[in-house]
C-alpha atoms as a PDB file:
ATOM      1  CA  MET A   1      37.986  48.187 189.663  1.00  0.00           C
ATOM      2  CA  ALA A   2      39.564  47.581 192.984  1.00  0.00           C
ATOM      3  CA  CYS A   3      37.092  49.471 195.102  1.00  0.00           C
ATOM      4  CA  VAL A   4      33.826  48.395 193.280  1.00  0.00           C
ATOM      5  CA  ALA A   5      30.777  49.087 195.563  1.00  0.00           C
ATOM      6  CA  VAL A   6      32.711  50.313 198.544  1.00  0.00           C
ATOM      7  CA  THR A   7      34.424  53.650 198.205  1.00  0.00           C
ATOM      8  CA  TRP A   8      32.921  57.250 198.302  1.00  0.00           C
ATOM      9  CA  ALA A   9      34.666  60.602 198.488  1.00  0.00           C
ATOM     10  CA  ARG A  10      34.730  63.497 200.917  1.00  0.00           C
ATOM     11  CA  PRO A  11      37.249  65.994 201.424  1.00  0.00           C
ATOM     12  CA  GLU A  12      38.620  64.713 204.703  1.00  0.00           C
ATOM     13  CA  SER A  13      41.375  62.067 205.154  1.00  0.00           C
ATOM     14  CA  THR A  14      39.092  59.123 204.358  1.00  0.00           C
ATOM     15  CA  TYR A  15      36.184  58.560 202.097  1.00  0.00           C
ATOM     16  CA  THR A  16      32.834  58.868 203.677  1.00  0.00           C
ATOM     17  CA  ASP A  17      31.625  55.784 205.586  1.00  0.00           C
ATOM     18  CA  LYS A  18      28.053  56.535 204.696  1.00  0.00           C
ATOM     19  CA  TRP A  19      27.666  53.298 202.831  1.00  0.00           C
ATOM     20  CA  ASP A  20      30.117  51.148 204.626  1.00  0.00           C
ATOM     21  CA  ASN A  21      27.229  48.884 205.892  1.00  0.00           C
ATOM     22  CA  ILE A  22      26.113  47.978 202.350  1.00  0.00           C
ATOM     23  CA  ASN A  23      25.928  44.106 202.039  1.00  0.00           C
ATOM     24  CA  VAL A  24      28.643  43.370 199.380  1.00  0.00           C
ATOM     25  CA  ASP A  25      27.841  39.687 199.509  1.00  0.00           C
ATOM     26  CA  GLU A  26      24.114  40.339 198.542  1.00  0.00           C
ATOM     27  CA  ILE A  27      25.368  42.471 195.608  1.00  0.00           C
ATOM     28  CA  LEU A  28      27.848  39.800 194.408  1.00  0.00           C
ATOM     29  CA  GLU A  29      25.419  36.918 194.750  1.00  0.00           C
ATOM     30  CA  SER A  30      22.846  38.901 192.609  1.00  0.00           C
ATOM     31  CA  ASN A  31      23.671  39.175 188.932  1.00  0.00           C
ATOM     32  CA  ARG A  32      21.054  41.830 188.642  1.00  0.00           C
ATOM     33  CA  LEU A  33      22.424  43.958 191.313  1.00  0.00           C
ATOM     34  CA  LEU A  34      26.134  43.292 190.360  1.00  0.00           C
ATOM     35  CA  LYS A  35      25.192  44.277 186.597  1.00  0.00           C
ATOM     36  CA  GLY A  36      23.523  47.303 187.782  1.00  0.00           C
ATOM     37  CA  TYR A  37      26.689  48.557 189.580  1.00  0.00           C
ATOM     38  CA  VAL A  38      28.893  47.566 186.757  1.00  0.00           C
ATOM     39  CA  ASP A  39      26.761  49.152 184.226  1.00  0.00           C
ATOM     40  CA  CYS A  40      26.676  52.405 186.402  1.00  0.00           C
ATOM     41  CA  LEU A  41      30.481  52.277 186.506  1.00  0.00           C
ATOM     42  CA  LEU A  42      30.816  51.736 182.741  1.00  0.00           C
ATOM     43  CA  GLY A  43      28.294  54.487 181.966  1.00  0.00           C
ATOM     44  CA  LYS A  44      25.859  52.063 180.393  1.00  0.00           C
ATOM     45  CA  GLY A  45      22.970  52.326 182.871  1.00  0.00           C
ATOM     46  CA  ARG A  46      21.572  54.417 185.697  1.00  0.00           C
ATOM     47  CA  CYS A  47      23.346  54.922 188.850  1.00  0.00           C
ATOM     48  CA  THR A  48      21.997  54.644 192.395  1.00  0.00           C
ATOM     49  CA  PRO A  49      23.362  57.427 194.737  1.00  0.00           C
ATOM     50  CA  ASP A  50      25.932  55.030 196.083  1.00  0.00           C
ATOM     51  CA  GLY A  51      26.891  53.795 192.721  1.00  0.00           C
ATOM     52  CA  LYS A  52      27.270  57.450 191.628  1.00  0.00           C
ATOM     53  CA  ALA A  53      29.501  58.217 194.379  1.00  0.00           C
ATOM     54  CA  LEU A  54      31.449  55.082 193.755  1.00  0.00           C
ATOM     55  CA  LYS A  55      31.889  55.927 190.149  1.00  0.00           C
ATOM     56  CA  GLU A  56      33.284  59.507 191.162  1.00  0.00           C
ATOM     57  CA  THR A  57      35.715  58.043 193.714  1.00  0.00           C
ATOM     58  CA  LEU A  58      37.004  55.019 191.962  1.00  0.00           C
ATOM     59  CA  PRO A  59      39.645  56.653 189.960  1.00  0.00           C
ATOM     60  CA  ASP A  60      41.053  58.429 193.029  1.00  0.00           C
ATOM     61  CA  ALA A  61      40.960  55.108 194.900  1.00  0.00           C
ATOM     62  CA  LEU A  62      42.801  53.348 192.082  1.00  0.00           C
ATOM     63  CA  GLU A  63      45.362  56.172 191.682  1.00  0.00           C
ATOM     64  CA  HIS A  64      46.253  56.403 195.445  1.00  0.00           C
ATOM     65  CA  GLU A  65      45.916  52.697 196.406  1.00  0.00           C
ATOM     66  CA  CYS A  66      42.801  53.054 198.265  1.00  0.00           C
ATOM     67  CA  VAL A  67      44.723  55.228 200.968  1.00  0.00           C
ATOM     68  CA  LYS A  68      41.503  57.078 201.889  1.00  0.00           C
ATOM     69  CA  CYS A  69      39.422  53.922 202.269  1.00  0.00           C
ATOM     70  CA  THR A  70      38.047  52.894 205.541  1.00  0.00           C
ATOM     71  CA  GLY A  71      38.853  49.388 206.796  1.00  0.00           C
ATOM     72  CA  LYS A  72      35.316  48.184 205.690  1.00  0.00           C
ATOM     73  CA  GLN A  73      35.889  49.697 202.222  1.00  0.00           C
ATOM     74  CA  LYS A  74      39.260  47.831 201.893  1.00  0.00           C
ATOM     75  CA  SER A  75      37.832  44.582 203.087  1.00  0.00           C
ATOM     76  CA  GLY A  76      34.882  45.018 200.717  1.00  0.00           C
ATOM     77  CA  ALA A  77      37.216  45.953 197.814  1.00  0.00           C
ATOM     78  CA  ASP A  78      39.188  42.877 198.389  1.00  0.00           C
ATOM     79  CA  LYS A  79      36.053  40.703 198.361  1.00  0.00           C
ATOM     80  CA  VAL A  80      34.819  42.259 195.187  1.00  0.00           C
ATOM     81  CA  ILE A  81      38.143  41.910 193.393  1.00  0.00           C
ATOM     82  CA  ARG A  82      38.335  38.252 194.372  1.00  0.00           C
ATOM     83  CA  HIS A  83      34.753  37.605 193.108  1.00  0.00           C
ATOM     84  CA  LEU A  84      35.258  39.474 189.754  1.00  0.00           C
ATOM     85  CA  VAL A  85      38.626  37.896 189.117  1.00  0.00           C
ATOM     86  CA  ASN A  86      37.580  34.436 189.827  1.00  0.00           C
ATOM     87  CA  LYS A  87      33.919  34.368 189.096  1.00  0.00           C
ATOM     88  CA  ARG A  88      33.068  37.220 186.697  1.00  0.00           C
ATOM     89  CA  PRO A  89      36.268  37.740 184.603  1.00  0.00           C
ATOM     90  CA  ASP A  90      34.062  39.191 181.847  1.00  0.00           C
ATOM     91  CA  LEU A  91      33.007  42.156 184.144  1.00  0.00           C
ATOM     92  CA  TRP A  92      36.503  42.490 185.479  1.00  0.00           C
ATOM     93  CA  LYS A  93      37.786  42.959 181.854  1.00  0.00           C
ATOM     94  CA  GLU A  94      35.105  45.518 180.995  1.00  0.00           C
ATOM     95  CA  LEU A  95      35.954  47.499 184.083  1.00  0.00           C
ATOM     96  CA  ALA A  96      39.701  47.180 183.433  1.00  0.00           C
ATOM     97  CA  VAL A  97      39.209  48.514 179.784  1.00  0.00           C
ATOM     98  CA  LYS A  98      37.203  51.499 181.089  1.00  0.00           C
ATOM     99  CA  TYR A  99      39.419  52.330 184.411  1.00  0.00           C
ATOM    100  CA  ASP A 100      42.707  50.992 183.233  1.00  0.00           C
ATOM    101  CA  PRO A 101      42.999  51.314 179.427  1.00  0.00           C
ATOM    102  CA  ASP A 102      46.768  51.637 179.622  1.00  0.00           C
ATOM    103  CA  ASN A 103      47.287  48.701 181.945  1.00  0.00           C
ATOM    104  CA  ILE A 104      48.675  50.848 184.689  1.00  0.00           C
ATOM    105  CA  TYR A 105      46.855  49.478 187.573  1.00  0.00           C
ATOM    106  CA  GLN A 106      46.721  45.851 186.234  1.00  0.00           C
ATOM    107  CA  THR A 107      50.638  46.127 186.509  1.00  0.00           C
ATOM    108  CA  ARG A 108      50.793  47.943 189.651  1.00  0.00           C
ATOM    109  CA  TYR A 109      48.431  45.567 191.541  1.00  0.00           C
ATOM    110  CA  LYS A 110      49.613  42.464 189.660  1.00  0.00           C
ATOM    111  CA  ASP A 111      50.761  40.687 192.856  1.00  0.00           C
ATOM    112  CA  LYS A 112      47.477  41.325 194.663  1.00  0.00           C
ATOM    113  CA  ILE A 113      45.474  40.227 191.622  1.00  0.00           C
ATOM    114  CA  ASP A 114      47.551  37.151 191.261  1.00  0.00           C
ATOM    115  CA  ALA A 115      47.221  36.341 194.892  1.00  0.00           C
ATOM    116  CA  VAL A 116      43.472  36.216 194.737  1.00  0.00           C
ATOM    117  CA  LYS A 117      43.168  34.065 191.674  1.00  0.00           C
ATOM    118  CA  GLY A 118      41.620  30.697 192.465  1.00  0.00           C
ATOM    119  CA  SER A 119      40.590  31.842 195.967  1.00  0.00           C
ATOM    120  CA  ALA A 120      36.959  32.556 195.580  1.00  0.00           C
END
């Protein structure tokens, strides 16, 4: 969940920066765009090329604390987390069920998640 819309894989030391200039704010402000990305991640809808790459990369980013993320990807992930936790907890919960069914990452990142609550 943490790196929604901003992480994509390549074999080097960081994920590709190919999509670093995606306007994350535009996605978060549009229910249609946001739902499209979430549906892609949940396997409920079609994926754009960047959505598909995100879906493939998200498990690795969660597992390894986004260590391969670029600065823009980390910043975008923080923005997405803040938005989902505070404004779309329904989507946050759906993503958590899919990507963190055993509550491993919710526990690991509890302090970070708690820190963004109430700070939209």
